[in-house]
Amino acid sequence: MQKTLDEATDPWGIKVECVEIKDVKLPQQLQRAMAAEAEASREARAKIIAAEGEMKASRALKEASLVLAEAPSALQLRYLQTLNTIAAEKNSTIIFPLPIDTMQSFMQRKL
């Protein structure tokens, strides 16, 4: 742009230092294309952020499982804490998961 301006103004001895564009009219098709590109860029960033969040969550779960594996009583305490949280929400139904080995002893008696 500077080169084009210099070519036009040098014969008159004028040096253009600053140009300000006040109003630009873009065709509707170009506006739509630019909007679509911006939206695609935002969606791509959102997917990256979501993937990073999933990665952090999976790492946290892995670390939690390692801690719980070291202390089996910690799992029971976490289970009781979860039940306490559920009960505080005033739910009418609470499901108690039972260990499979406990259920197997009942199943063997029936046979």
N, C-alpha and C. Protein backbone atom coordinates (compact mmCIF):
# COMPACT_ATOMS: atom_id res chain seq x y z
N MET A 1 0.83 -1.18 0.00
CA MET A 1 0.00 0.00 0.00
C MET A 1 0.88 1.25 0.00
N GLN A 2 1.95 1.20 0.82
CA GLN A 2 2.86 2.35 0.89
C GLN A 2 3.52 2.59 -0.47
N LYS A 3 3.88 1.52 -1.16
CA LYS A 3 4.52 1.65 -2.46
C LYS A 3 3.59 2.31 -3.47
N THR A 4 2.34 1.89 -3.46
CA THR A 4 1.35 2.47 -4.38
C THR A 4 1.14 3.95 -4.09
N LEU A 5 1.05 4.30 -2.82
CA LEU A 5 0.89 5.71 -2.45
C LEU A 5 2.11 6.54 -2.85
N ASP A 6 3.31 5.99 -2.62
CA ASP A 6 4.54 6.71 -2.98
C ASP A 6 4.61 6.95 -4.48
N GLU A 7 4.21 5.95 -5.28
CA GLU A 7 4.25 6.12 -6.74
C GLU A 7 3.31 7.24 -7.18
N ALA A 8 2.19 7.36 -6.52
CA ALA A 8 1.21 8.38 -6.92
C ALA A 8 1.57 9.77 -6.40
N THR A 9 2.23 9.87 -5.25
CA THR A 9 2.46 11.19 -4.63
C THR A 9 3.88 11.71 -4.78
N ASP A 10 4.85 10.88 -5.09
CA ASP A 10 6.24 11.33 -5.24
C ASP A 10 6.41 12.41 -6.30
N PRO A 11 5.75 12.32 -7.45
CA PRO A 11 5.92 13.39 -8.44
C PRO A 11 5.51 14.77 -7.91
N TRP A 12 4.66 14.83 -6.95
CA TRP A 12 4.21 16.12 -6.39
C TRP A 12 5.05 16.54 -5.20
N GLY A 13 5.94 15.63 -4.73
CA GLY A 13 6.78 15.95 -3.58
C GLY A 13 6.04 15.78 -2.25
N ILE A 14 5.06 14.92 -2.26
CA ILE A 14 4.27 14.69 -1.05
C ILE A 14 4.59 13.29 -0.51
N LYS A 15 4.76 13.21 0.82
CA LYS A 15 4.99 11.92 1.48
C LYS A 15 3.79 11.63 2.37
N VAL A 16 3.09 10.52 2.08
CA VAL A 16 1.93 10.12 2.87
C VAL A 16 2.43 9.23 4.01
N GLU A 17 2.17 9.65 5.24
CA GLU A 17 2.63 8.90 6.41
C GLU A 17 1.53 8.07 7.06
N CYS A 18 0.31 8.49 6.93
CA CYS A 18 -0.76 7.80 7.63
C CYS A 18 -2.01 7.79 6.76
N VAL A 19 -2.67 6.65 6.72
CA VAL A 19 -3.93 6.52 6.01
C VAL A 19 -4.93 5.88 6.97
N GLU A 20 -6.10 6.44 7.05
CA GLU A 20 -7.14 5.90 7.93
C GLU A 20 -8.35 5.54 7.10
N ILE A 21 -8.82 4.33 7.29
CA ILE A 21 -10.00 3.87 6.56
C ILE A 21 -11.20 4.06 7.48
N LYS A 22 -12.15 4.83 7.03
CA LYS A 22 -13.31 5.18 7.86
C LYS A 22 -14.46 4.19 7.72
N ASP A 23 -14.75 3.77 6.51
CA ASP A 23 -15.92 2.92 6.29
C ASP A 23 -15.60 1.92 5.19
N VAL A 24 -15.88 0.66 5.47
CA VAL A 24 -15.64 -0.38 4.48
C VAL A 24 -16.94 -1.15 4.30
N LYS A 25 -17.34 -1.31 3.07
CA LYS A 25 -18.53 -2.08 2.75
C LYS A 25 -18.06 -3.42 2.17
N LEU A 26 -18.48 -4.50 2.81
CA LEU A 26 -18.13 -5.83 2.33
C LEU A 26 -19.38 -6.47 1.73
N PRO A 27 -19.21 -7.20 0.67
CA PRO A 27 -20.36 -7.91 0.09
C PRO A 27 -20.93 -8.91 1.11
N GLN A 28 -22.24 -9.14 1.03
CA GLN A 28 -22.91 -10.05 1.95
C GLN A 28 -22.29 -11.44 1.93
N GLN A 29 -21.93 -11.91 0.75
CA GLN A 29 -21.35 -13.25 0.63
C GLN A 29 -20.02 -13.32 1.39
N LEU A 30 -19.21 -12.27 1.29
CA LEU A 30 -17.94 -12.24 2.00
C LEU A 30 -18.17 -12.17 3.51
N GLN A 31 -19.18 -11.39 3.93
CA GLN A 31 -19.51 -11.31 5.35
C GLN A 31 -19.92 -12.68 5.89
N ARG A 32 -20.74 -13.41 5.12
CA ARG A 32 -21.16 -14.74 5.55
C ARG A 32 -19.97 -15.69 5.63
N ALA A 33 -19.09 -15.60 4.65
CA ALA A 33 -17.92 -16.48 4.65
C ALA A 33 -17.03 -16.19 5.85
N MET A 34 -16.84 -14.91 6.15
CA MET A 34 -16.02 -14.54 7.31
C MET A 34 -16.68 -14.99 8.62
N ALA A 35 -18.00 -14.86 8.70
CA ALA A 35 -18.72 -15.30 9.91
C ALA A 35 -18.62 -16.81 10.07
N ALA A 36 -18.75 -17.55 8.97
CA ALA A 36 -18.65 -19.01 9.04
C ALA A 36 -17.24 -19.43 9.48
N GLU A 37 -16.24 -18.74 8.97
CA GLU A 37 -14.86 -19.05 9.36
C GLU A 37 -14.64 -18.76 10.84
N ALA A 38 -15.16 -17.64 11.32
CA ALA A 38 -15.02 -17.29 12.73
C ALA A 38 -15.74 -18.30 13.62
N GLU A 39 -16.93 -18.73 13.20
CA GLU A 39 -17.68 -19.71 13.97
C GLU A 39 -16.94 -21.05 14.01
N ALA A 40 -16.39 -21.46 12.90
CA ALA A 40 -15.63 -22.72 12.86
C ALA A 40 -14.41 -22.63 13.77
N SER A 41 -13.78 -21.48 13.78
CA SER A 41 -12.62 -21.29 14.66
C SER A 41 -13.02 -21.36 16.13
N ARG A 42 -14.14 -20.74 16.48
CA ARG A 42 -14.63 -20.79 17.87
C ARG A 42 -14.98 -22.22 18.26
N GLU A 43 -15.63 -22.95 17.37
CA GLU A 43 -15.99 -24.34 17.67
C GLU A 43 -14.75 -25.20 17.84
N ALA A 44 -13.73 -24.96 17.02
CA ALA A 44 -12.49 -25.73 17.14
C ALA A 44 -11.83 -25.46 18.50
N ARG A 45 -11.80 -24.19 18.91
CA ARG A 45 -11.22 -23.85 20.21
C ARG A 45 -12.03 -24.48 21.34
N ALA A 46 -13.35 -24.47 21.21
CA ALA A 46 -14.21 -25.07 22.23
C ALA A 46 -13.95 -26.57 22.36
N LYS A 47 -13.75 -27.24 21.23
CA LYS A 47 -13.46 -28.67 21.27
C LYS A 47 -12.12 -28.94 21.94
N ILE A 48 -11.15 -28.09 21.67
CA ILE A 48 -9.83 -28.26 22.30
C ILE A 48 -9.93 -28.06 23.80
N ILE A 49 -10.68 -27.03 24.22
CA ILE A 49 -10.85 -26.77 25.65
C ILE A 49 -11.58 -27.94 26.32
N ALA A 50 -12.61 -28.46 25.66
CA ALA A 50 -13.35 -29.60 26.21
C ALA A 50 -12.45 -30.82 26.32
N ALA A 51 -11.63 -31.06 25.32
CA ALA A 51 -10.72 -32.21 25.34
C ALA A 51 -9.69 -32.07 26.46
N GLU A 52 -9.19 -30.86 26.66
CA GLU A 52 -8.24 -30.63 27.75
C GLU A 52 -8.91 -30.87 29.10
N GLY A 53 -10.17 -30.45 29.23
CA GLY A 53 -10.91 -30.70 30.46
C GLY A 53 -11.11 -32.18 30.72
N GLU A 54 -11.44 -32.92 29.67
CA GLU A 54 -11.59 -34.38 29.80
C GLU A 54 -10.27 -35.03 30.21
N MET A 55 -9.18 -34.54 29.65
CA MET A 55 -7.87 -35.10 29.99
C MET A 55 -7.55 -34.85 31.46
N LYS A 56 -7.82 -33.64 31.95
CA LYS A 56 -7.57 -33.33 33.35
C LYS A 56 -8.46 -34.17 34.26
N ALA A 57 -9.72 -34.34 33.86
CA ALA A 57 -10.64 -35.14 34.66
C ALA A 57 -10.19 -36.60 34.71
N SER A 58 -9.73 -37.14 33.60
CA SER A 58 -9.29 -38.54 33.59
C SER A 58 -8.03 -38.71 34.44
N ARG A 59 -7.14 -37.73 34.40
CA ARG A 59 -5.94 -37.81 35.26
C ARG A 59 -6.33 -37.75 36.74
N ALA A 60 -7.28 -36.88 37.07
CA ALA A 60 -7.73 -36.78 38.46
C ALA A 60 -8.38 -38.09 38.91
N LEU A 61 -9.16 -38.71 38.04
CA LEU A 61 -9.78 -40.00 38.38
C LEU A 61 -8.73 -41.08 38.57
N LYS A 62 -7.71 -41.05 37.73
CA LYS A 62 -6.64 -42.05 37.87
C LYS A 62 -5.94 -41.88 39.21
N GLU A 63 -5.63 -40.63 39.56
CA GLU A 63 -4.96 -40.37 40.83
C GLU A 63 -5.85 -40.79 42.01
N ALA A 64 -7.14 -40.51 41.89
CA ALA A 64 -8.08 -40.89 42.95
C ALA A 64 -8.14 -42.41 43.09
N SER A 65 -8.14 -43.12 41.97
CA SER A 65 -8.20 -44.58 42.04
C SER A 65 -6.94 -45.15 42.68
N LEU A 66 -5.80 -44.52 42.43
CA LEU A 66 -4.55 -44.97 43.06
C LEU A 66 -4.60 -44.76 44.57
N VAL A 67 -5.14 -43.64 44.99
CA VAL A 67 -5.26 -43.36 46.43
C VAL A 67 -6.22 -44.35 47.07
N LEU A 68 -7.36 -44.58 46.42
CA LEU A 68 -8.34 -45.52 46.97
C LEU A 68 -7.81 -46.95 46.99
N ALA A 69 -6.97 -47.30 46.03
CA ALA A 69 -6.40 -48.65 46.00
C ALA A 69 -5.44 -48.87 47.17
N GLU A 70 -4.80 -47.81 47.62
CA GLU A 70 -3.86 -47.93 48.73
C GLU A 70 -4.59 -48.14 50.06
N ALA A 71 -5.79 -47.59 50.19
CA ALA A 71 -6.53 -47.69 51.45
C ALA A 71 -7.97 -48.11 51.15
N PRO A 72 -8.28 -49.40 51.23
CA PRO A 72 -9.65 -49.85 50.93
C PRO A 72 -10.71 -49.19 51.81
N SER A 73 -10.36 -48.83 53.04
CA SER A 73 -11.33 -48.17 53.91
C SER A 73 -11.71 -46.79 53.38
N ALA A 74 -10.82 -46.18 52.61
CA ALA A 74 -11.12 -44.87 52.02
C ALA A 74 -12.28 -44.98 51.04
N LEU A 75 -12.37 -46.10 50.35
CA LEU A 75 -13.48 -46.30 49.42
C LEU A 75 -14.80 -46.38 50.16
N GLN A 76 -14.79 -47.07 51.30
CA GLN A 76 -16.01 -47.16 52.11
C GLN A 76 -16.40 -45.78 52.65
N LEU A 77 -15.43 -45.00 53.09
CA LEU A 77 -15.72 -43.65 53.57
C LEU A 77 -16.27 -42.77 52.45
N ARG A 78 -15.72 -42.91 51.26
CA ARG A 78 -16.22 -42.13 50.12
C ARG A 78 -17.65 -42.54 49.78
N TYR A 79 -17.91 -43.83 49.88
CA TYR A 79 -19.26 -44.35 49.62
C TYR A 79 -20.25 -43.74 50.61
N LEU A 80 -19.88 -43.72 51.89
CA LEU A 80 -20.76 -43.15 52.91
C LEU A 80 -20.95 -41.65 52.71
N GLN A 81 -19.91 -40.98 52.30
CA GLN A 81 -20.00 -39.54 52.02
C GLN A 81 -20.96 -39.28 50.86
N THR A 82 -20.91 -40.12 49.83
CA THR A 82 -21.81 -39.98 48.70
C THR A 82 -23.26 -40.21 49.13
N LEU A 83 -23.49 -41.23 49.96
CA LEU A 83 -24.84 -41.48 50.47
C LEU A 83 -25.34 -40.28 51.29
N ASN A 84 -24.46 -39.69 52.07
CA ASN A 84 -24.83 -38.51 52.86
C ASN A 84 -25.24 -37.36 51.95
N THR A 85 -24.52 -37.17 50.88
CA THR A 85 -24.84 -36.11 49.91
C THR A 85 -26.18 -36.38 49.25
N ILE A 86 -26.43 -37.63 48.88
CA ILE A 86 -27.70 -37.99 48.25
C ILE A 86 -28.86 -37.76 49.22
N ALA A 87 -28.67 -38.15 50.47
CA ALA A 87 -29.72 -38.00 51.46
C ALA A 87 -30.03 -36.52 51.73
N ALA A 88 -29.03 -35.67 51.64
CA ALA A 88 -29.23 -34.24 51.89
C ALA A 88 -30.08 -33.59 50.81
N GLU A 89 -30.15 -34.21 49.64
CA GLU A 89 -30.93 -33.65 48.54
C GLU A 89 -32.41 -34.01 48.62
N LYS A 90 -32.81 -34.72 49.66
CA LYS A 90 -34.20 -35.10 49.90
C LYS A 90 -34.78 -35.92 48.75
N ASN A 91 -34.02 -36.86 48.29
CA ASN A 91 -34.51 -37.78 47.27
C ASN A 91 -35.41 -38.82 47.92
N SER A 92 -36.37 -39.30 47.18
CA SER A 92 -37.26 -40.31 47.73
C SER A 92 -36.72 -41.72 47.54
N THR A 93 -35.75 -41.90 46.67
CA THR A 93 -35.18 -43.22 46.41
C THR A 93 -33.67 -43.15 46.51
N ILE A 94 -33.11 -44.07 47.27
CA ILE A 94 -31.66 -44.19 47.37
C ILE A 94 -31.30 -45.62 47.00
N ILE A 95 -30.39 -45.78 46.07
CA ILE A 95 -29.96 -47.10 45.61
C ILE A 95 -28.67 -47.44 46.32
N PHE A 96 -28.66 -48.61 46.97
CA PHE A 96 -27.47 -49.08 47.67
C PHE A 96 -26.77 -50.13 46.83
N PRO A 97 -25.66 -49.80 46.22
CA PRO A 97 -24.92 -50.82 45.47
C PRO A 97 -24.25 -51.79 46.45
N LEU A 98 -24.39 -53.05 46.17
CA LEU A 98 -23.78 -54.08 47.01
C LEU A 98 -22.64 -54.75 46.26
N PRO A 99 -21.59 -55.11 46.97
CA PRO A 99 -20.49 -55.81 46.30
C PRO A 99 -20.96 -57.14 45.73
N ILE A 100 -20.40 -57.52 44.61
CA ILE A 100 -20.78 -58.76 43.93
C ILE A 100 -20.55 -59.97 44.83
N ASP A 101 -19.44 -59.98 45.58
CA ASP A 101 -19.15 -61.14 46.42
C ASP A 101 -20.21 -61.33 47.50
N THR A 102 -20.82 -60.26 47.98
CA THR A 102 -21.91 -60.38 48.95
C THR A 102 -23.12 -61.02 48.30
N MET A 103 -23.44 -60.64 47.10
CA MET A 103 -24.59 -61.19 46.39
C MET A 103 -24.38 -62.65 46.02
N GLN A 104 -23.16 -63.05 45.75
CA GLN A 104 -22.88 -64.43 45.36
C GLN A 104 -23.20 -65.41 46.48
N SER A 105 -22.97 -64.99 47.72
CA SER A 105 -23.28 -65.89 48.83
C SER A 105 -24.78 -66.15 48.91
N PHE A 106 -25.61 -65.16 48.62
CA PHE A 106 -27.06 -65.36 48.59
C PHE A 106 -27.48 -66.22 47.40
N MET A 107 -26.84 -66.06 46.29
CA MET A 107 -27.18 -66.81 45.09
C MET A 107 -26.82 -68.29 45.24
N GLN A 108 -25.76 -68.59 45.91
CA GLN A 108 -25.34 -69.98 46.10
C GLN A 108 -26.29 -70.72 47.02
N ARG A 109 -26.88 -70.06 47.99
CA ARG A 109 -27.83 -70.70 48.91
C ARG A 109 -29.10 -71.14 48.19
N LYS A 110 -29.51 -70.37 47.19
CA LYS A 110 -30.73 -70.69 46.46
C LYS A 110 -30.55 -71.92 45.58
N LEU A 111 -29.35 -72.14 45.13
CA LEU A 111 -29.10 -73.28 44.26
C LEU A 111 -29.13 -74.51 45.07
